[in-house]
All heavy atoms as atom14 arrays in JSON, in Angstrom:
{
  "sequence": "DDKLLFQSEKMFGKTPPKKIEVNIEGVTELKLVVKDGGDGT",
  "atom14_mask": [
    [1, 1, 1, 1, 1, 1, 1, 1, 0, 0, 0, 0, 0, 0],
    [1, 1, 1, 1, 1, 1, 1, 1, 0, 0, 0, 0, 0, 0],
    [1, 1, 1, 1, 1, 1, 1, 1, 1, 0, 0, 0, 0, 0],
    [1, 1, 1, 1, 1, 1, 1, 1, 0, 0, 0, 0, 0, 0],
    [1, 1, 1, 1, 1, 1, 1, 1, 0, 0, 0, 0, 0, 0],
    [1, 1, 1, 1, 1, 1, 1, 1, 1, 1, 1, 0, 0, 0],
    [1, 1, 1, 1, 1, 1, 1, 1, 1, 0, 0, 0, 0, 0],
    [1, 1, 1, 1, 1, 1, 0, 0, 0, 0, 0, 0, 0, 0],
    [1, 1, 1, 1, 1, 1, 1, 1, 1, 0, 0, 0, 0, 0],
    [1, 1, 1, 1, 1, 1, 1, 1, 1, 0, 0, 0, 0, 0],
    [1, 1, 1, 1, 1, 1, 1, 1, 0, 0, 0, 0, 0, 0],
    [1, 1, 1, 1, 1, 1, 1, 1, 1, 1, 1, 0, 0, 0],
    [1, 1, 1, 1, 0, 0, 0, 0, 0, 0, 0, 0, 0, 0],
    [1, 1, 1, 1, 1, 1, 1, 1, 1, 0, 0, 0, 0, 0],
    [1, 1, 1, 1, 1, 1, 1, 0, 0, 0, 0, 0, 0, 0],
    [1, 1, 1, 1, 1, 1, 1, 0, 0, 0, 0, 0, 0, 0],
    [1, 1, 1, 1, 1, 1, 1, 0, 0, 0, 0, 0, 0, 0],
    [1, 1, 1, 1, 1, 1, 1, 1, 1, 0, 0, 0, 0, 0],
    [1, 1, 1, 1, 1, 1, 1, 1, 1, 0, 0, 0, 0, 0],
    [1, 1, 1, 1, 1, 1, 1, 1, 0, 0, 0, 0, 0, 0],
    [1, 1, 1, 1, 1, 1, 1, 1, 1, 0, 0, 0, 0, 0],
    [1, 1, 1, 1, 1, 1, 1, 0, 0, 0, 0, 0, 0, 0],
    [1, 1, 1, 1, 1, 1, 1, 1, 0, 0, 0, 0, 0, 0],
    [1, 1, 1, 1, 1, 1, 1, 1, 0, 0, 0, 0, 0, 0],
    [1, 1, 1, 1, 1, 1, 1, 1, 1, 0, 0, 0, 0, 0],
    [1, 1, 1, 1, 0, 0, 0, 0, 0, 0, 0, 0, 0, 0],
    [1, 1, 1, 1, 1, 1, 1, 0, 0, 0, 0, 0, 0, 0],
    [1, 1, 1, 1, 1, 1, 1, 0, 0, 0, 0, 0, 0, 0],
    [1, 1, 1, 1, 1, 1, 1, 1, 1, 0, 0, 0, 0, 0],
    [1, 1, 1, 1, 1, 1, 1, 1, 0, 0, 0, 0, 0, 0],
    [1, 1, 1, 1, 1, 1, 1, 1, 1, 0, 0, 0, 0, 0],
    [1, 1, 1, 1, 1, 1, 1, 1, 0, 0, 0, 0, 0, 0],
    [1, 1, 1, 1, 1, 1, 1, 0, 0, 0, 0, 0, 0, 0],
    [1, 1, 1, 1, 1, 1, 1, 0, 0, 0, 0, 0, 0, 0],
    [1, 1, 1, 1, 1, 1, 1, 1, 1, 0, 0, 0, 0, 0],
    [1, 1, 1, 1, 1, 1, 1, 1, 0, 0, 0, 0, 0, 0],
    [1, 1, 1, 1, 0, 0, 0, 0, 0, 0, 0, 0, 0, 0],
    [1, 1, 1, 1, 0, 0, 0, 0, 0, 0, 0, 0, 0, 0],
    [1, 1, 1, 1, 1, 1, 1, 1, 0, 0, 0, 0, 0, 0],
    [1, 1, 1, 1, 0, 0, 0, 0, 0, 0, 0, 0, 0, 0],
    [1, 1, 1, 1, 1, 1, 1, 0, 0, 0, 0, 0, 0, 0]
  ],
  "atom14_positions": [
    [[-94.84, 26.55, 51.56], [-93.82, 25.7, 50.94], [-92.47, 26.41, 50.9], [-91.78, 26.45, 49.88], [-94.26, 25.26, 49.54], [-95.55, 24.45, 49.57], [-95.75, 23.71, 50.56], [-96.35, 24.55, 48.63], [0.0, 0.0, 0.0], [0.0, 0.0, 0.0], [0.0, 0.0, 0.0], [0.0, 0.0, 0.0], [0.0, 0.0, 0.0], [0.0, 0.0, 0.0]],
    [[-92.1, 27.0, 52.05], [-90.83, 27.69, 52.27], [-90.64, 28.97, 51.46], [-89.55, 29.52, 51.39], [-89.63, 26.75, 52.05], [-89.55, 25.68, 53.13], [-89.83, 26.01, 54.3], [-89.23, 24.53, 52.8], [0.0, 0.0, 0.0], [0.0, 0.0, 0.0], [0.0, 0.0, 0.0], [0.0, 0.0, 0.0], [0.0, 0.0, 0.0], [0.0, 0.0, 0.0]],
    [[-91.71, 29.48, 50.85], [-91.66, 30.76, 50.14], [-92.35, 31.82, 51.01], [-93.48, 31.6, 51.47], [-92.36, 30.65, 48.8], [-92.4, 31.94, 48.01], [-93.15, 31.77, 46.71], [-93.31, 33.11, 46.03], [-94.19, 33.02, 44.86], [0.0, 0.0, 0.0], [0.0, 0.0, 0.0], [0.0, 0.0, 0.0], [0.0, 0.0, 0.0], [0.0, 0.0, 0.0]],
    [[-91.68, 32.95, 51.24], [-92.26, 34.02, 52.05], [-93.46, 34.62, 51.32], [-93.33, 35.13, 50.21], [-91.22, 35.11, 52.35], [-91.69, 36.28, 53.19], [-92.09, 35.84, 54.59], [-90.61, 37.35, 53.25], [0.0, 0.0, 0.0], [0.0, 0.0, 0.0], [0.0, 0.0, 0.0], [0.0, 0.0, 0.0], [0.0, 0.0, 0.0], [0.0, 0.0, 0.0]],
    [[-94.64, 34.55, 51.96], [-95.87, 35.08, 51.38], [-96.31, 36.39, 52.03], [-97.03, 37.18, 51.42], [-97.01, 34.06, 51.52], [-96.76, 32.68, 50.91], [-97.94, 31.77, 51.21], [-96.5, 32.79, 49.42], [0.0, 0.0, 0.0], [0.0, 0.0, 0.0], [0.0, 0.0, 0.0], [0.0, 0.0, 0.0], [0.0, 0.0, 0.0], [0.0, 0.0, 0.0]],
    [[-95.9, 36.61, 53.28], [-96.29, 37.81, 54.01], [-95.26, 38.1, 55.08], [-94.75, 37.19, 55.72], [-97.66, 37.61, 54.68], [-98.0, 38.69, 55.66], [-98.52, 39.9, 55.24], [-97.77, 38.52, 57.02], [-98.81, 40.91, 56.14], [-98.05, 39.52, 57.93], [-98.57, 40.72, 57.49], [0.0, 0.0, 0.0], [0.0, 0.0, 0.0], [0.0, 0.0, 0.0]],
    [[-94.98, 39.39, 55.28], [-94.14, 39.83, 56.4], [-94.71, 41.14, 56.92], [-94.93, 42.08, 56.15], [-92.7, 40.02, 55.96], [-91.78, 40.4, 57.13], [-90.34, 40.51, 56.68], [-90.01, 41.22, 55.74], [-89.46, 39.79, 57.37], [0.0, 0.0, 0.0], [0.0, 0.0, 0.0], [0.0, 0.0, 0.0], [0.0, 0.0, 0.0], [0.0, 0.0, 0.0]],
    [[-94.94, 41.21, 58.23], [-95.46, 42.43, 58.84], [-94.34, 43.42, 59.11], [-93.16, 43.06, 59.09], [-96.17, 42.1, 60.16], [-95.22, 41.8, 61.18], [0.0, 0.0, 0.0], [0.0, 0.0, 0.0], [0.0, 0.0, 0.0], [0.0, 0.0, 0.0], [0.0, 0.0, 0.0], [0.0, 0.0, 0.0], [0.0, 0.0, 0.0], [0.0, 0.0, 0.0]],
    [[-94.73, 44.63, 59.37], [-93.81, 45.61, 59.94], [-93.56, 45.19, 61.38], [-94.26, 44.33, 61.91], [-94.45, 47.01, 59.91], [-94.8, 47.5, 58.52], [-93.57, 47.79, 57.69], [-92.55, 48.25, 58.26], [-93.61, 47.55, 56.47], [0.0, 0.0, 0.0], [0.0, 0.0, 0.0], [0.0, 0.0, 0.0], [0.0, 0.0, 0.0], [0.0, 0.0, 0.0]],
    [[-92.63, 45.83, 62.06], [-92.44, 45.58, 63.49], [-93.71, 45.99, 64.22], [-94.29, 47.03, 63.94], [-91.27, 46.37, 64.05], [-89.93, 45.84, 63.64], [-88.82, 46.64, 64.3], [-87.47, 46.18, 63.83], [-86.39, 46.96, 64.45], [0.0, 0.0, 0.0], [0.0, 0.0, 0.0], [0.0, 0.0, 0.0], [0.0, 0.0, 0.0], [0.0, 0.0, 0.0]],
    [[-94.14, 45.14, 65.15], [-95.33, 45.42, 65.94], [-94.93, 45.5, 67.41], [-94.22, 44.63, 67.91], [-96.4, 44.34, 65.71], [-96.82, 44.25, 64.25], [-98.18, 43.13, 63.96], [-99.56, 44.19, 64.43], [0.0, 0.0, 0.0], [0.0, 0.0, 0.0], [0.0, 0.0, 0.0], [0.0, 0.0, 0.0], [0.0, 0.0, 0.0], [0.0, 0.0, 0.0]],
    [[-95.39, 46.56, 68.07], [-95.05, 46.84, 69.46], [-96.28, 46.62, 70.34], [-97.36, 46.32, 69.85], [-94.53, 48.28, 69.59], [-93.32, 48.55, 68.73], [-93.45, 48.99, 67.43], [-92.05, 48.31, 69.23], [-92.34, 49.23, 66.63], [-90.92, 48.55, 68.44], [-91.07, 49.0, 67.14], [0.0, 0.0, 0.0], [0.0, 0.0, 0.0], [0.0, 0.0, 0.0]],
    [[-96.13, 46.81, 71.65], [-97.21, 46.57, 72.59], [-98.45, 47.43, 72.37], [-99.55, 47.0, 72.64], [0.0, 0.0, 0.0], [0.0, 0.0, 0.0], [0.0, 0.0, 0.0], [0.0, 0.0, 0.0], [0.0, 0.0, 0.0], [0.0, 0.0, 0.0], [0.0, 0.0, 0.0], [0.0, 0.0, 0.0], [0.0, 0.0, 0.0], [0.0, 0.0, 0.0]],
    [[-98.29, 48.62, 71.85], [-99.43, 49.51, 71.62], [-99.89, 49.5, 70.16], [-100.83, 50.2, 69.79], [-99.06, 50.94, 72.02], [-98.6, 51.07, 73.46], [-99.75, 51.23, 74.39], [-99.21, 51.51, 75.8], [-100.01, 50.98, 76.83], [0.0, 0.0, 0.0], [0.0, 0.0, 0.0], [0.0, 0.0, 0.0], [0.0, 0.0, 0.0], [0.0, 0.0, 0.0]],
    [[-99.23, 48.7, 69.31], [-99.63, 48.62, 67.9], [-100.99, 47.94, 67.8], [-101.17, 46.84, 68.34], [-98.59, 47.82, 67.08], [-97.31, 48.4, 67.24], [-98.97, 47.79, 65.61], [0.0, 0.0, 0.0], [0.0, 0.0, 0.0], [0.0, 0.0, 0.0], [0.0, 0.0, 0.0], [0.0, 0.0, 0.0], [0.0, 0.0, 0.0], [0.0, 0.0, 0.0]],
    [[-101.96, 48.55, 67.14], [-103.28, 47.91, 66.99], [-103.15, 46.6, 66.21], [-102.23, 46.43, 65.41], [-104.09, 48.92, 66.18], [-103.34, 50.19, 66.19], [-101.91, 49.85, 66.48], [0.0, 0.0, 0.0], [0.0, 0.0, 0.0], [0.0, 0.0, 0.0], [0.0, 0.0, 0.0], [0.0, 0.0, 0.0], [0.0, 0.0, 0.0], [0.0, 0.0, 0.0]],
    [[-104.11, 45.68, 66.42], [-104.07, 44.43, 65.65], [-104.18, 44.74, 64.16], [-104.83, 45.71, 63.76], [-105.28, 43.65, 66.15], [-106.15, 44.64, 66.83], [-105.28, 45.77, 67.28], [0.0, 0.0, 0.0], [0.0, 0.0, 0.0], [0.0, 0.0, 0.0], [0.0, 0.0, 0.0], [0.0, 0.0, 0.0], [0.0, 0.0, 0.0], [0.0, 0.0, 0.0]],
    [[-103.53, 43.91, 63.37], [-103.58, 44.07, 61.91], [-104.29, 42.87, 61.33], [-103.91, 41.72, 61.58], [-102.17, 44.17, 61.34], [-102.12, 44.26, 59.82], [-100.69, 44.38, 59.33], [-100.61, 44.37, 57.82], [-101.15, 45.54, 57.17], [0.0, 0.0, 0.0], [0.0, 0.0, 0.0], [0.0, 0.0, 0.0], [0.0, 0.0, 0.0], [0.0, 0.0, 0.0]],
    [[-105.35, 43.12, 60.56], [-106.08, 42.05, 59.87], [-105.32, 41.69, 58.61], [-104.99, 42.57, 57.81], [-107.49, 42.53, 59.53], [-108.3, 41.57, 58.7], [-108.78, 40.4, 59.49], [-109.73, 39.56, 58.64], [-110.27, 38.45, 59.36], [0.0, 0.0, 0.0], [0.0, 0.0, 0.0], [0.0, 0.0, 0.0], [0.0, 0.0, 0.0], [0.0, 0.0, 0.0]],
    [[-104.99, 40.41, 58.47], [-104.29, 39.96, 57.27], [-105.12, 38.91, 56.54], [-105.9, 38.17, 57.16], [-102.88, 39.4, 57.58], [-102.96, 38.13, 58.44], [-102.01, 40.46, 58.23], [-101.65, 37.36, 58.54], [0.0, 0.0, 0.0], [0.0, 0.0, 0.0], [0.0, 0.0, 0.0], [0.0, 0.0, 0.0], [0.0, 0.0, 0.0], [0.0, 0.0, 0.0]],
    [[-104.97, 38.86, 55.25], [-105.5, 37.8, 54.4], [-104.4, 37.45, 53.41], [-103.99, 38.3, 52.62], [-106.77, 38.25, 53.69], [-107.94, 38.41, 54.64], [-109.26, 38.66, 53.92], [-109.26, 38.84, 52.68], [-110.28, 38.69, 54.61], [0.0, 0.0, 0.0], [0.0, 0.0, 0.0], [0.0, 0.0, 0.0], [0.0, 0.0, 0.0], [0.0, 0.0, 0.0]],
    [[-103.91, 36.23, 53.51], [-102.78, 35.8, 52.71], [-103.24, 34.69, 51.77], [-103.85, 33.72, 52.2], [-101.62, 35.29, 53.61], [-100.44, 34.85, 52.78], [-101.22, 36.37, 54.62], [0.0, 0.0, 0.0], [0.0, 0.0, 0.0], [0.0, 0.0, 0.0], [0.0, 0.0, 0.0], [0.0, 0.0, 0.0], [0.0, 0.0, 0.0], [0.0, 0.0, 0.0]],
    [[-102.93, 34.85, 50.49], [-103.27, 33.84, 49.5], [-102.36, 32.63, 49.7], [-101.14, 32.74, 49.58], [-103.09, 34.42, 48.09], [-103.47, 33.43, 47.01], [-103.57, 32.23, 47.23], [-103.67, 33.93, 45.81], [0.0, 0.0, 0.0], [0.0, 0.0, 0.0], [0.0, 0.0, 0.0], [0.0, 0.0, 0.0], [0.0, 0.0, 0.0], [0.0, 0.0, 0.0]],
    [[-102.97, 31.48, 50.01], [-102.19, 30.25, 50.2], [-102.64, 29.15, 49.22], [-102.38, 27.97, 49.44], [-102.28, 29.75, 51.66], [-103.72, 29.46, 52.06], [-101.63, 30.75, 52.6], [-103.86, 28.69, 53.36], [0.0, 0.0, 0.0], [0.0, 0.0, 0.0], [0.0, 0.0, 0.0], [0.0, 0.0, 0.0], [0.0, 0.0, 0.0], [0.0, 0.0, 0.0]],
    [[-103.28, 29.56, 48.15], [-103.75, 28.6, 47.16], [-102.58, 27.79, 46.6], [-101.54, 28.35, 46.24], [-104.47, 29.32, 46.01], [-105.21, 28.39, 45.09], [-106.17, 29.12, 44.17], [-106.24, 30.36, 44.2], [-106.86, 28.41, 43.41], [0.0, 0.0, 0.0], [0.0, 0.0, 0.0], [0.0, 0.0, 0.0], [0.0, 0.0, 0.0], [0.0, 0.0, 0.0]],
    [[-102.72, 26.47, 46.57], [-101.69, 25.59, 46.06], [-100.59, 25.24, 47.06], [-99.67, 24.5, 46.74], [0.0, 0.0, 0.0], [0.0, 0.0, 0.0], [0.0, 0.0, 0.0], [0.0, 0.0, 0.0], [0.0, 0.0, 0.0], [0.0, 0.0, 0.0], [0.0, 0.0, 0.0], [0.0, 0.0, 0.0], [0.0, 0.0, 0.0], [0.0, 0.0, 0.0]],
    [[-100.7, 25.75, 48.29], [-99.68, 25.51, 49.32], [-99.92, 24.17, 50.0], [-101.03, 23.86, 50.42], [-99.67, 26.66, 50.35], [-98.85, 26.3, 51.58], [-99.18, 27.94, 49.71], [0.0, 0.0, 0.0], [0.0, 0.0, 0.0], [0.0, 0.0, 0.0], [0.0, 0.0, 0.0], [0.0, 0.0, 0.0], [0.0, 0.0, 0.0], [0.0, 0.0, 0.0]],
    [[-98.85, 23.38, 50.13], [-98.92, 22.1, 50.83], [-98.56, 22.24, 52.3], [-99.18, 21.63, 53.16], [-97.98, 21.08, 50.16], [-98.38, 20.92, 48.8], [-98.0, 19.75, 50.87], [0.0, 0.0, 0.0], [0.0, 0.0, 0.0], [0.0, 0.0, 0.0], [0.0, 0.0, 0.0], [0.0, 0.0, 0.0], [0.0, 0.0, 0.0], [0.0, 0.0, 0.0]],
    [[-97.53, 23.06, 52.61], [-97.08, 23.26, 53.98], [-97.1, 24.75, 54.32], [-96.43, 25.55, 53.68], [-95.67, 22.71, 54.16], [-95.17, 22.8, 55.59], [-93.76, 22.26, 55.73], [-92.82, 23.06, 55.55], [-93.62, 21.06, 56.02], [0.0, 0.0, 0.0], [0.0, 0.0, 0.0], [0.0, 0.0, 0.0], [0.0, 0.0, 0.0], [0.0, 0.0, 0.0]],
    [[-97.88, 25.09, 55.33], [-98.02, 26.46, 55.78], [-97.21, 26.66, 57.05], [-97.32, 25.86, 57.99], [-99.5, 26.76, 56.07], [-99.85, 28.15, 56.56], [-99.57, 29.19, 55.48], [-101.32, 28.18, 56.96], [0.0, 0.0, 0.0], [0.0, 0.0, 0.0], [0.0, 0.0, 0.0], [0.0, 0.0, 0.0], [0.0, 0.0, 0.0], [0.0, 0.0, 0.0]],
    [[-96.38, 27.7, 57.08], [-95.55, 27.96, 58.25], [-95.86, 29.36, 58.77], [-95.75, 30.35, 58.05], [-94.08, 27.85, 57.87], [-93.13, 27.87, 59.03], [-91.66, 27.82, 58.61], [-91.34, 26.76, 57.61], [-89.93, 26.78, 57.18], [0.0, 0.0, 0.0], [0.0, 0.0, 0.0], [0.0, 0.0, 0.0], [0.0, 0.0, 0.0], [0.0, 0.0, 0.0]],
    [[-96.26, 29.45, 60.05], [-96.52, 30.71, 60.73], [-95.34, 31.0, 61.63], [-95.05, 30.23, 62.54], [-97.81, 30.63, 61.55], [-99.06, 30.19, 60.8], [-100.25, 30.14, 61.76], [-99.35, 31.08, 59.62], [0.0, 0.0, 0.0], [0.0, 0.0, 0.0], [0.0, 0.0, 0.0], [0.0, 0.0, 0.0], [0.0, 0.0, 0.0], [0.0, 0.0, 0.0]],
    [[-94.67, 32.12, 61.4], [-93.43, 32.45, 62.1], [-93.61, 33.78, 62.82], [-94.18, 34.72, 62.26], [-92.26, 32.54, 61.11], [-90.99, 33.0, 61.8], [-92.04, 31.2, 60.41], [0.0, 0.0, 0.0], [0.0, 0.0, 0.0], [0.0, 0.0, 0.0], [0.0, 0.0, 0.0], [0.0, 0.0, 0.0], [0.0, 0.0, 0.0], [0.0, 0.0, 0.0]],
    [[-93.14, 33.85, 64.05], [-93.02, 35.13, 64.77], [-91.57, 35.26, 65.21], [-91.04, 34.37, 65.87], [-93.96, 35.21, 65.99], [-93.73, 36.51, 66.74], [-95.41, 35.1, 65.56], [0.0, 0.0, 0.0], [0.0, 0.0, 0.0], [0.0, 0.0, 0.0], [0.0, 0.0, 0.0], [0.0, 0.0, 0.0], [0.0, 0.0, 0.0], [0.0, 0.0, 0.0]],
    [[-90.96, 36.37, 64.81], [-89.56, 36.64, 65.16], [-89.52, 37.84, 66.1], [-90.43, 38.68, 66.08], [-88.76, 36.98, 63.9], [-88.64, 35.84, 62.93], [-87.83, 36.27, 61.72], [-87.63, 35.11, 60.77], [-86.88, 35.53, 59.58], [0.0, 0.0, 0.0], [0.0, 0.0, 0.0], [0.0, 0.0, 0.0], [0.0, 0.0, 0.0], [0.0, 0.0, 0.0]],
    [[-88.45, 37.91, 66.89], [-88.28, 39.12, 67.68], [-87.97, 40.25, 66.7], [-87.49, 40.02, 65.6], [-87.18, 38.95, 68.73], [-85.78, 39.01, 68.16], [-85.33, 40.13, 67.87], [-85.16, 37.95, 68.01], [0.0, 0.0, 0.0], [0.0, 0.0, 0.0], [0.0, 0.0, 0.0], [0.0, 0.0, 0.0], [0.0, 0.0, 0.0], [0.0, 0.0, 0.0]],
    [[-88.29, 41.44, 67.06], [-88.12, 42.58, 66.18], [-86.72, 43.14, 66.17], [-86.53, 44.32, 65.9], [0.0, 0.0, 0.0], [0.0, 0.0, 0.0], [0.0, 0.0, 0.0], [0.0, 0.0, 0.0], [0.0, 0.0, 0.0], [0.0, 0.0, 0.0], [0.0, 0.0, 0.0], [0.0, 0.0, 0.0], [0.0, 0.0, 0.0], [0.0, 0.0, 0.0]],
    [[-85.72, 42.31, 66.48], [-84.35, 42.75, 66.46], [-83.86, 43.26, 67.8], [-82.74, 43.75, 67.92], [0.0, 0.0, 0.0], [0.0, 0.0, 0.0], [0.0, 0.0, 0.0], [0.0, 0.0, 0.0], [0.0, 0.0, 0.0], [0.0, 0.0, 0.0], [0.0, 0.0, 0.0], [0.0, 0.0, 0.0], [0.0, 0.0, 0.0], [0.0, 0.0, 0.0]],
    [[-84.72, 43.14, 68.82], [-84.37, 43.67, 70.14], [-84.41, 42.59, 71.23], [-84.62, 42.89, 72.38], [-85.3, 44.83, 70.5], [-86.77, 44.42, 70.47], [-87.07, 43.24, 70.19], [-87.63, 45.27, 70.73], [0.0, 0.0, 0.0], [0.0, 0.0, 0.0], [0.0, 0.0, 0.0], [0.0, 0.0, 0.0], [0.0, 0.0, 0.0], [0.0, 0.0, 0.0]],
    [[-84.26, 41.35, 70.84], [-84.34, 40.25, 71.8], [-85.78, 39.79, 71.97], [-86.7, 40.36, 71.4], [0.0, 0.0, 0.0], [0.0, 0.0, 0.0], [0.0, 0.0, 0.0], [0.0, 0.0, 0.0], [0.0, 0.0, 0.0], [0.0, 0.0, 0.0], [0.0, 0.0, 0.0], [0.0, 0.0, 0.0], [0.0, 0.0, 0.0], [0.0, 0.0, 0.0]],
    [[-85.97, 38.77, 72.79], [-87.3, 38.15, 72.92], [-88.05, 38.53, 74.18], [-89.13, 38.02, 74.44], [-87.18, 36.62, 72.84], [-86.34, 36.17, 73.92], [-86.61, 36.17, 71.51], [0.0, 0.0, 0.0], [0.0, 0.0, 0.0], [0.0, 0.0, 0.0], [0.0, 0.0, 0.0], [0.0, 0.0, 0.0], [0.0, 0.0, 0.0], [0.0, 0.0, 0.0]]
  ]
}
C-alpha cells in the first residue's frame, strides 16, 4: 500500500541469492520493484 516494507543492498552478478520473508499482513496492494543500482540498466 505504497509503504516501503523491504529494500535490499545493491546486488551484483556474483552476489549470492538472498532469501527474504516480508510481512505483508493487512496489505491490499503489493508492489515488487527492481531498480538499477545507480549505474544504469
